[in-house]
Amino acid sequence: MATASHQPSQMVHRLAWLDALRGVGALAVVGEHLTTWAMPWLRPTSFNLGVYGVLVFFLVSGYIIPTSLERHGDVRAFWIGRLFRLYPLYLAVIAVVLALAWWIPIRPEVPRDGSAVAAHATMLMDAVGSAGVLNTMWTLSYEMLFYLLAVALFVTGRRDRWGVVPVLFALLAAGAGLLLAGPPVAGAWPAWVSCAVFVAGLACVLAGRGGTAAVYVLGAMALALTASSRVPWFGAAMIAVMFAGTAIRRWEGGEGRLWPVGVVAVLVGSTPIWALNAGWWWVRPDRWGLTIVLAGLTFAVAMAARGRRVPSALTWLGTVSYSLYLVHLPILLVIMELVGEMRWSPLPAQLGVGVAFLAVLLPACWLSHRLVEQPLQRLGRRLTARRPVVAT
């Protein structure tokens, strides 16, 4: 749930609407968790607020990541940027969660063996049938799969001008929903194998030796994991949404068509109708469809208004959105342990605890962004500048 920063001022202004969208997405996820626990009367039930925020994030990632990769043309620099962007805060949050495990137990869905370490090392937890120590971490699995696939497509040198890629993933989602009630493979071995391939492949890319072959192997692994994730149709649908964001960017630049985005929306929105594994309340066709429509409309409205001035509060939230996304749940879990159940508490108490939560969360996000994210991003940029290598 993160994209590159540190652009020139003109680029920052031009992409401020994307920062605003990240801010909206992050607030939606925080709102879903806060209202579920403390203010159920405020939580919408006609759509899933948290998944709405995730879909907005995914559209932003799909829109910006391949374009950024093509603009810079350096696979090694891309991966250094991604690793130094994503992992420092991710590992810090995991450390905090583990340190609190004596008080707030780790989720029971997380395997109690080494495969959990392997799954977290790659961020591919959801794709290998594991679970994250925080339930928000499932989205990082599909972000990582998207990066692996996008880099593989970039190295081929062919741009998807017809929007075939998102449609193919949407068709994969539709077919998987019809044929698969669960992952086709199970056990701990996917976590171990994917970790070995991931580490070896990225080592080749970063060393500049055998990088092209490694990129293709990593892309093939990502494709296989997409089709065999915990809920295969859902994983393929998330990848389709991200590549739909790429198709929108191609269309905007006069390099592609917009109709594939509509096809993806229809296929992804319809899949729960026939999917064998679609028993969650928020993937019932009416709620799931409305969630998709609202995310798409939000992106479209922001894109249409991209030339206008964006509220600074939203751009700030977008700047710290990765911190907001990862840090809010540990803080919320601690507050929940301290104050107990709030769903049936008096309204003033609910509002008070909500305000107190935000009063702690926003400064914490600013600090984590300032002290963890930014210094490591600067280090990543220095490493990139020291030895530029194009892995093609």
Protein backbone atom coordinates (compact mmCIF):
# COMPACT_ATOMS: atom_id res chain seq x y z
CA MET A 1 0.00 0.00 0.00
CA ALA A 2 2.75 2.36 -0.82
CA THR A 3 4.14 4.18 -3.80
CA ALA A 4 7.32 6.04 -4.46
CA SER A 5 7.79 9.52 -3.10
CA HIS A 6 10.50 12.22 -3.31
CA GLN A 7 9.56 13.62 -6.72
CA PRO A 8 10.28 17.12 -7.98
CA SER A 9 7.82 19.76 -6.81
CA GLN A 10 5.99 19.87 -10.15
CA MET A 11 5.53 16.10 -10.09
CA VAL A 12 4.37 16.22 -6.46
CA HIS A 13 1.71 18.80 -7.39
CA ARG A 14 0.65 16.79 -10.44
CA LEU A 15 0.24 13.62 -8.40
CA ALA A 16 -1.32 15.26 -5.33
CA TRP A 17 -4.67 13.73 -6.27
CA LEU A 18 -3.11 10.28 -5.87
CA ASP A 19 -1.89 11.22 -2.39
CA ALA A 20 -5.43 12.37 -1.63
CA LEU A 21 -6.77 9.00 -2.76
CA ARG A 22 -4.31 7.22 -0.51
CA GLY A 23 -5.51 9.39 2.34
CA VAL A 24 -9.13 8.48 1.59
CA GLY A 25 -8.25 4.78 1.36
CA ALA A 26 -6.33 4.78 4.62
CA LEU A 27 -9.12 6.62 6.45
CA ALA A 28 -11.66 4.13 5.13
CA VAL A 29 -9.69 1.16 6.50
CA VAL A 30 -9.21 2.88 9.86
CA GLY A 31 -12.91 3.76 9.91
CA GLU A 32 -13.92 0.18 9.24
CA HIS A 33 -11.95 -1.13 12.21
CA LEU A 34 -12.82 1.71 14.58
CA THR A 35 -16.56 1.64 13.90
CA THR A 36 -16.75 -2.16 14.02
CA TRP A 37 -15.40 -2.09 17.55
CA ALA A 38 -16.62 1.16 19.07
CA MET A 39 -19.34 2.75 16.94
CA PRO A 40 -21.37 0.12 15.06
CA TRP A 41 -24.14 2.65 14.44
CA LEU A 42 -21.71 4.58 12.23
CA ARG A 43 -20.50 1.58 10.26
CA PRO A 44 -22.07 1.18 6.80
CA THR A 45 -23.55 -2.25 6.07
CA SER A 46 -24.59 -1.73 2.45
CA PHE A 47 -20.91 -1.97 1.45
CA ASN A 48 -17.59 -2.78 3.12
CA LEU A 49 -15.81 0.44 4.04
CA GLY A 50 -12.44 -1.26 4.56
CA VAL A 51 -12.48 -3.15 1.26
CA TYR A 52 -13.58 0.06 -0.46
CA GLY A 53 -10.41 1.70 0.88
CA VAL A 54 -8.28 -1.24 -0.22
CA LEU A 55 -9.71 -1.13 -3.75
CA VAL A 56 -8.93 2.58 -3.95
CA PHE A 57 -5.37 1.82 -2.87
CA PHE A 58 -5.07 -0.95 -5.45
CA LEU A 59 -6.28 1.29 -8.26
CA VAL A 60 -3.67 3.87 -7.25
CA SER A 61 -0.91 1.22 -7.21
CA GLY A 62 -1.95 -0.07 -10.61
CA TYR A 63 -2.04 3.44 -12.01
CA ILE A 64 1.36 4.60 -10.79
CA ILE A 65 3.69 1.60 -10.36
CA PRO A 66 4.11 0.43 -13.99
CA THR A 67 4.38 4.05 -15.17
CA SER A 68 7.07 4.77 -12.60
CA LEU A 69 8.92 1.62 -13.58
CA GLU A 70 8.80 2.52 -17.28
CA ARG A 71 9.84 6.11 -16.64
CA HIS A 72 12.98 5.14 -14.72
CA GLY A 73 13.68 1.94 -16.66
CA ASP A 74 15.78 0.39 -13.90
CA VAL A 75 14.53 -2.84 -12.35
CA ARG A 76 17.24 -2.94 -9.73
CA ALA A 77 16.44 0.62 -8.62
CA PHE A 78 12.76 -0.24 -8.55
CA TRP A 79 13.26 -3.16 -6.20
CA ILE A 80 15.65 -1.29 -3.93
CA GLY A 81 13.04 1.45 -3.69
CA ARG A 82 10.26 -1.01 -2.96
CA LEU A 83 12.22 -2.96 -0.36
CA PHE A 84 13.34 0.16 1.50
CA ARG A 85 9.84 1.62 1.19
CA LEU A 86 7.89 -1.37 2.44
CA TYR A 87 10.00 -3.48 4.76
CA PRO A 88 11.34 -1.15 7.49
CA LEU A 89 7.95 -0.15 8.88
CA TYR A 90 6.52 -3.59 8.17
CA LEU A 91 9.24 -5.28 10.22
CA ALA A 92 8.98 -2.67 12.97
CA VAL A 93 5.24 -3.26 13.30
CA ILE A 94 5.75 -7.03 13.38
CA ALA A 95 8.30 -6.55 16.15
CA VAL A 96 5.82 -4.47 18.15
CA VAL A 97 3.06 -7.06 17.69
CA LEU A 98 5.36 -9.88 18.79
CA ALA A 99 6.56 -7.85 21.79
CA LEU A 100 2.91 -7.44 22.86
CA ALA A 101 2.08 -11.12 22.31
CA TRP A 102 2.27 -11.85 26.06
CA TRP A 103 -0.66 -9.46 26.50
CA ILE A 104 -2.47 -9.46 23.15
CA PRO A 105 -2.13 -12.98 21.68
CA ILE A 106 -1.15 -13.43 18.05
CA ARG A 107 -4.07 -14.28 15.77
CA PRO A 108 -4.83 -18.03 15.85
CA GLU A 109 -4.79 -18.14 12.02
CA VAL A 110 -1.02 -17.52 12.02
CA PRO A 111 0.86 -20.86 11.81
CA ARG A 112 2.93 -21.67 14.88
CA ASP A 113 5.93 -22.90 12.91
CA GLY A 114 8.69 -21.64 10.66
CA SER A 115 6.42 -21.37 7.63
CA ALA A 116 4.93 -18.24 9.19
CA VAL A 117 8.40 -16.67 9.20
CA ALA A 118 8.91 -17.65 5.54
CA ALA A 119 5.52 -16.23 4.58
CA HIS A 120 6.13 -12.94 6.38
CA ALA A 121 9.63 -12.65 4.90
CA THR A 122 8.12 -12.32 1.42
CA MET A 123 4.89 -10.53 2.44
CA LEU A 124 3.08 -13.28 0.52
CA MET A 125 1.11 -14.58 3.50
CA ASP A 126 -2.32 -14.61 1.90
CA ALA A 127 -0.98 -16.04 -1.34
CA VAL A 128 0.65 -19.05 0.35
CA GLY A 129 -2.24 -19.97 2.64
CA SER A 130 -0.81 -18.36 5.76
CA ALA A 131 -1.99 -15.30 7.68
CA GLY A 132 -0.40 -12.06 8.80
CA VAL A 133 0.21 -11.21 12.44
CA LEU A 134 -2.14 -8.29 11.69
CA ASN A 135 -5.17 -8.96 9.58
CA THR A 136 -4.53 -5.80 7.55
CA MET A 137 -1.37 -7.38 6.12
CA TRP A 138 -3.28 -9.52 3.62
CA THR A 139 -3.28 -6.63 1.15
CA LEU A 140 0.53 -6.58 1.06
CA SER A 141 0.47 -10.08 -0.43
CA TYR A 142 -1.34 -8.83 -3.53
CA GLU A 143 0.73 -5.67 -3.75
CA MET A 144 3.83 -7.87 -3.85
CA LEU A 145 2.33 -10.22 -6.45
CA PHE A 146 1.44 -7.20 -8.56
CA TYR A 147 5.01 -5.86 -8.35
CA LEU A 148 6.43 -9.21 -9.44
CA LEU A 149 4.01 -9.43 -12.37
CA ALA A 150 4.43 -5.79 -13.41
CA VAL A 151 8.23 -6.09 -13.45
CA ALA A 152 8.04 -9.29 -15.53
CA LEU A 153 5.78 -7.57 -18.05
CA PHE A 154 8.09 -4.56 -18.13
CA VAL A 155 11.13 -6.70 -18.91
CA THR A 156 9.33 -8.22 -21.91
CA GLY A 157 9.36 -4.73 -23.42
CA ARG A 158 5.71 -4.95 -24.47
CA ARG A 159 3.08 -2.54 -23.21
CA ASP A 160 -0.43 -3.86 -22.74
CA ARG A 161 -2.07 -1.29 -25.01
CA TRP A 162 -5.26 -3.32 -25.46
CA GLY A 163 -5.86 -3.95 -21.76
CA VAL A 164 -5.62 -7.71 -22.19
CA VAL A 165 -3.83 -8.34 -18.88
CA PRO A 166 -6.56 -7.05 -16.50
CA VAL A 167 -9.24 -8.86 -18.50
CA LEU A 168 -7.27 -12.13 -18.31
CA PHE A 169 -6.96 -11.83 -14.54
CA ALA A 170 -10.67 -11.02 -14.26
CA LEU A 171 -11.43 -14.14 -16.33
CA LEU A 172 -9.10 -16.12 -14.05
CA ALA A 173 -11.07 -14.84 -11.07
CA ALA A 174 -14.36 -15.82 -12.68
CA GLY A 175 -13.10 -19.29 -13.55
CA ALA A 176 -11.47 -19.89 -10.17
CA GLY A 177 -14.68 -18.86 -8.43
CA LEU A 178 -16.59 -21.43 -10.44
CA LEU A 179 -14.12 -24.29 -10.02
CA LEU A 180 -12.23 -23.81 -6.74
CA ALA A 181 -13.68 -23.72 -3.24
CA GLY A 182 -10.20 -23.32 -1.75
CA PRO A 183 -6.53 -23.25 -2.67
CA PRO A 184 -5.49 -26.12 -4.97
CA VAL A 185 -2.36 -26.67 -2.87
CA ALA A 186 -2.06 -26.60 0.89
CA GLY A 187 0.45 -27.10 3.66
CA ALA A 188 3.58 -25.27 4.69
CA TRP A 189 5.65 -25.97 1.59
CA PRO A 190 4.31 -23.10 -0.60
CA ALA A 191 5.59 -20.63 1.99
CA TRP A 192 9.05 -22.22 2.04
CA VAL A 193 9.35 -22.64 -1.74
CA SER A 194 8.11 -19.12 -2.50
CA CYS A 195 10.51 -17.68 0.08
CA ALA A 196 13.47 -19.48 -1.49
CA VAL A 197 12.50 -18.37 -5.01
CA PHE A 198 11.79 -14.81 -3.86
CA VAL A 199 15.09 -14.38 -2.04
CA ALA A 200 17.17 -16.03 -4.77
CA GLY A 201 15.40 -14.13 -7.54
CA LEU A 202 15.75 -10.72 -5.93
CA ALA A 203 19.37 -11.47 -5.06
CA CYS A 204 20.05 -12.02 -8.77
CA VAL A 205 18.23 -8.80 -9.71
CA LEU A 206 20.02 -6.72 -7.08
CA ALA A 207 23.42 -8.20 -7.98
CA GLY A 208 22.82 -7.57 -11.68
CA ARG A 209 23.59 -11.19 -12.58
CA GLY A 210 20.96 -13.28 -14.31
CA GLY A 211 18.45 -10.56 -13.55
CA THR A 212 16.26 -11.06 -16.61
CA ALA A 213 15.84 -14.79 -16.04
CA ALA A 214 15.18 -14.16 -12.35
CA VAL A 215 12.48 -11.61 -13.17
CA TYR A 216 10.70 -14.13 -15.39
CA VAL A 217 10.91 -16.84 -12.72
CA LEU A 218 9.53 -14.45 -10.10
CA GLY A 219 6.72 -13.45 -12.45
CA ALA A 220 5.84 -17.09 -13.11
CA MET A 221 5.79 -17.75 -9.36
CA ALA A 222 3.51 -14.75 -8.83
CA LEU A 223 1.12 -16.00 -11.50
CA ALA A 224 1.02 -19.45 -9.90
CA LEU A 225 0.43 -18.00 -6.44
CA THR A 226 -2.36 -15.77 -7.73
CA ALA A 227 -4.20 -18.84 -8.98
CA SER A 228 -3.59 -20.79 -5.77
CA SER A 229 -3.99 -18.17 -3.03
CA ARG A 230 -6.16 -18.73 0.01
CA VAL A 231 -9.29 -17.76 -1.96
CA PRO A 232 -8.12 -18.03 -5.59
CA TRP A 233 -10.91 -16.01 -7.20
CA PHE A 234 -10.45 -13.16 -4.74
CA GLY A 235 -6.68 -13.00 -5.22
CA ALA A 236 -7.04 -12.94 -9.02
CA ALA A 237 -9.73 -10.27 -8.70
CA MET A 238 -7.42 -8.01 -6.67
CA ILE A 239 -4.68 -8.34 -9.29
CA ALA A 240 -7.25 -7.58 -12.01
CA VAL A 241 -8.23 -4.40 -10.17
CA MET A 242 -4.62 -3.24 -10.00
CA PHE A 243 -4.02 -3.89 -13.68
CA ALA A 244 -7.28 -2.04 -14.36
CA GLY A 245 -5.57 0.95 -12.77
CA THR A 246 -2.73 0.46 -15.24
CA ALA A 247 -5.22 0.35 -18.12
CA ILE A 248 -6.70 3.65 -16.95
CA ARG A 249 -3.25 5.22 -17.01
CA ARG A 250 -2.60 3.88 -20.51
CA TRP A 251 -5.93 5.29 -21.71
CA GLU A 252 -5.20 8.64 -20.11
CA GLY A 253 -1.90 8.81 -21.97
CA GLY A 254 -3.51 7.90 -25.29
CA GLU A 255 -1.81 4.49 -25.33
CA GLY A 256 -4.73 2.20 -24.60
CA ARG A 257 -8.46 1.62 -24.44
CA LEU A 258 -10.83 2.13 -21.53
CA TRP A 259 -13.31 -0.66 -22.29
CA PRO A 260 -11.20 -3.36 -20.54
CA VAL A 261 -11.77 -1.52 -17.26
CA GLY A 262 -15.53 -1.95 -17.70
CA VAL A 263 -15.09 -5.64 -18.51
CA VAL A 264 -13.00 -6.10 -15.37
CA ALA A 265 -15.60 -4.31 -13.25
CA VAL A 266 -18.40 -6.53 -14.56
CA LEU A 267 -16.46 -9.78 -14.20
CA VAL A 268 -15.02 -9.03 -10.76
CA GLY A 269 -18.35 -7.67 -9.56
CA SER A 270 -20.24 -10.72 -10.81
CA THR A 271 -17.92 -13.49 -9.65
CA PRO A 272 -19.41 -13.87 -6.13
CA ILE A 273 -22.73 -14.83 -7.77
CA TRP A 274 -21.31 -18.20 -8.79
CA ALA A 275 -18.17 -18.47 -6.66
CA LEU A 276 -17.97 -21.61 -4.53
CA ASN A 277 -16.23 -19.67 -1.76
CA ALA A 278 -18.17 -16.44 -1.27
CA GLY A 279 -19.86 -16.75 2.08
CA TRP A 280 -18.64 -13.50 3.61
CA TRP A 281 -21.28 -10.87 4.20
CA TRP A 282 -19.52 -8.23 2.14
CA VAL A 283 -19.17 -10.29 -1.05
CA ARG A 284 -22.88 -10.80 -1.43
CA PRO A 285 -23.58 -9.45 -4.92
CA ASP A 286 -25.35 -6.24 -3.86
CA ARG A 287 -22.76 -5.23 -1.23
CA TRP A 288 -19.78 -6.35 -3.27
CA GLY A 289 -21.06 -4.56 -6.35
CA LEU A 290 -21.70 -1.34 -4.46
CA THR A 291 -18.21 -1.49 -2.92
CA ILE A 292 -16.66 -1.79 -6.38
CA VAL A 293 -18.81 0.98 -7.81
CA LEU A 294 -17.96 3.37 -4.97
CA ALA A 295 -14.22 2.69 -5.27
CA GLY A 296 -14.36 3.22 -9.02
CA LEU A 297 -16.37 6.43 -8.68
CA THR A 298 -13.97 7.76 -6.06
CA PHE A 299 -11.01 7.16 -8.35
CA ALA A 300 -12.86 8.66 -11.34
CA VAL A 301 -13.91 11.81 -9.48
CA ALA A 302 -10.39 12.35 -8.13
CA MET A 303 -8.92 11.82 -11.58
CA ALA A 304 -11.39 14.23 -13.18
CA ALA A 305 -10.45 16.88 -10.60
CA ARG A 306 -6.71 16.18 -10.70
CA GLY A 307 -5.88 19.65 -11.97
CA ARG A 308 -7.47 21.33 -8.98
CA ARG A 309 -5.94 22.11 -5.63
CA VAL A 310 -6.13 19.20 -3.20
CA PRO A 311 -6.84 19.78 0.52
CA SER A 312 -3.54 19.65 2.38
CA ALA A 313 -5.04 17.42 5.08
CA LEU A 314 -5.74 14.72 2.49
CA THR A 315 -2.32 14.96 0.89
CA TRP A 316 -0.72 14.72 4.34
CA LEU A 317 -2.79 11.64 5.12
CA GLY A 318 -1.70 10.22 1.79
CA THR A 319 1.94 10.89 2.62
CA VAL A 320 1.66 8.94 5.90
CA SER A 321 -0.89 6.45 4.54
CA TYR A 322 1.43 3.44 4.82
CA SER A 323 2.06 4.25 8.48
CA LEU A 324 -1.63 4.90 8.98
CA TYR A 325 -2.47 1.54 7.44
CA LEU A 326 0.01 -0.53 9.44
CA VAL A 327 0.15 1.34 12.73
CA HIS A 328 -3.54 1.92 13.43
CA LEU A 329 -4.45 -1.67 14.26
CA PRO A 330 -1.81 -2.30 16.96
CA ILE A 331 -2.84 0.95 18.64
CA LEU A 332 -6.52 0.02 18.36
CA LEU A 333 -5.85 -3.45 19.80
CA VAL A 334 -4.08 -1.92 22.81
CA ILE A 335 -6.94 0.54 23.42
CA MET A 336 -9.46 -2.30 23.09
CA GLU A 337 -7.62 -4.24 25.77
CA LEU A 338 -7.51 -1.21 28.03
CA VAL A 339 -11.14 -0.07 27.79
CA GLY A 340 -12.94 -3.28 26.83
CA GLU A 341 -16.06 -3.73 24.73
CA MET A 342 -17.50 -0.45 23.44
CA ARG A 343 -20.30 -1.49 21.07
CA TRP A 344 -23.00 -1.12 23.71
CA SER A 345 -21.44 1.75 25.65
CA PRO A 346 -23.13 5.16 25.91
CA LEU A 347 -22.68 7.42 22.91
CA PRO A 348 -20.42 9.96 24.72
CA ALA A 349 -18.09 7.13 25.75
CA GLN A 350 -17.94 5.81 22.18
CA LEU A 351 -17.18 9.23 20.76
CA GLY A 352 -14.63 9.92 23.47
CA VAL A 353 -12.69 6.73 22.86
CA GLY A 354 -12.81 7.35 19.11
CA VAL A 355 -11.35 10.83 19.53
CA ALA A 356 -8.72 9.51 21.93
CA PHE A 357 -7.75 6.79 19.43
CA LEU A 358 -7.26 9.35 16.64
CA ALA A 359 -5.39 11.66 19.00
CA VAL A 360 -2.86 8.89 19.59
CA LEU A 361 -2.87 7.50 16.06
CA LEU A 362 -2.11 10.60 14.00
CA PRO A 363 1.00 11.68 15.94
CA ALA A 364 2.18 8.05 16.01
CA CYS A 365 1.85 7.87 12.22
CA TRP A 366 3.76 11.12 11.82
CA LEU A 367 6.54 9.80 14.04
CA SER A 368 6.77 6.40 12.33
CA HIS A 369 6.84 8.09 8.93
CA ARG A 370 9.49 10.57 10.06
CA LEU A 371 11.69 8.20 12.07
CA VAL A 372 11.28 4.87 10.25
CA GLU A 373 10.03 5.38 6.71
CA GLN A 374 11.87 8.48 5.56
CA PRO A 375 15.42 7.63 6.77
CA LEU A 376 15.30 4.18 5.16
CA GLN A 377 13.89 5.57 1.94
CA ARG A 378 16.79 8.02 1.79
CA LEU A 379 19.21 5.14 2.35
CA GLY A 380 17.56 3.22 -0.50
CA ARG A 381 17.98 6.19 -2.82
CA ARG A 382 21.65 6.48 -1.91
CA LEU A 383 22.20 2.78 -2.67
CA THR A 384 20.42 3.17 -5.98
CA ALA A 385 22.53 6.17 -6.98
CA ARG A 386 25.73 4.39 -6.02
CA ARG A 387 25.42 1.57 -8.51
CA PRO A 388 22.75 1.90 -11.18
CA VAL A 389 22.06 -1.38 -12.96
CA VAL A 390 19.27 -2.11 -15.44
CA ALA A 391 18.22 -5.75 -15.15
CA THR A 392 17.04 -6.32 -18.71
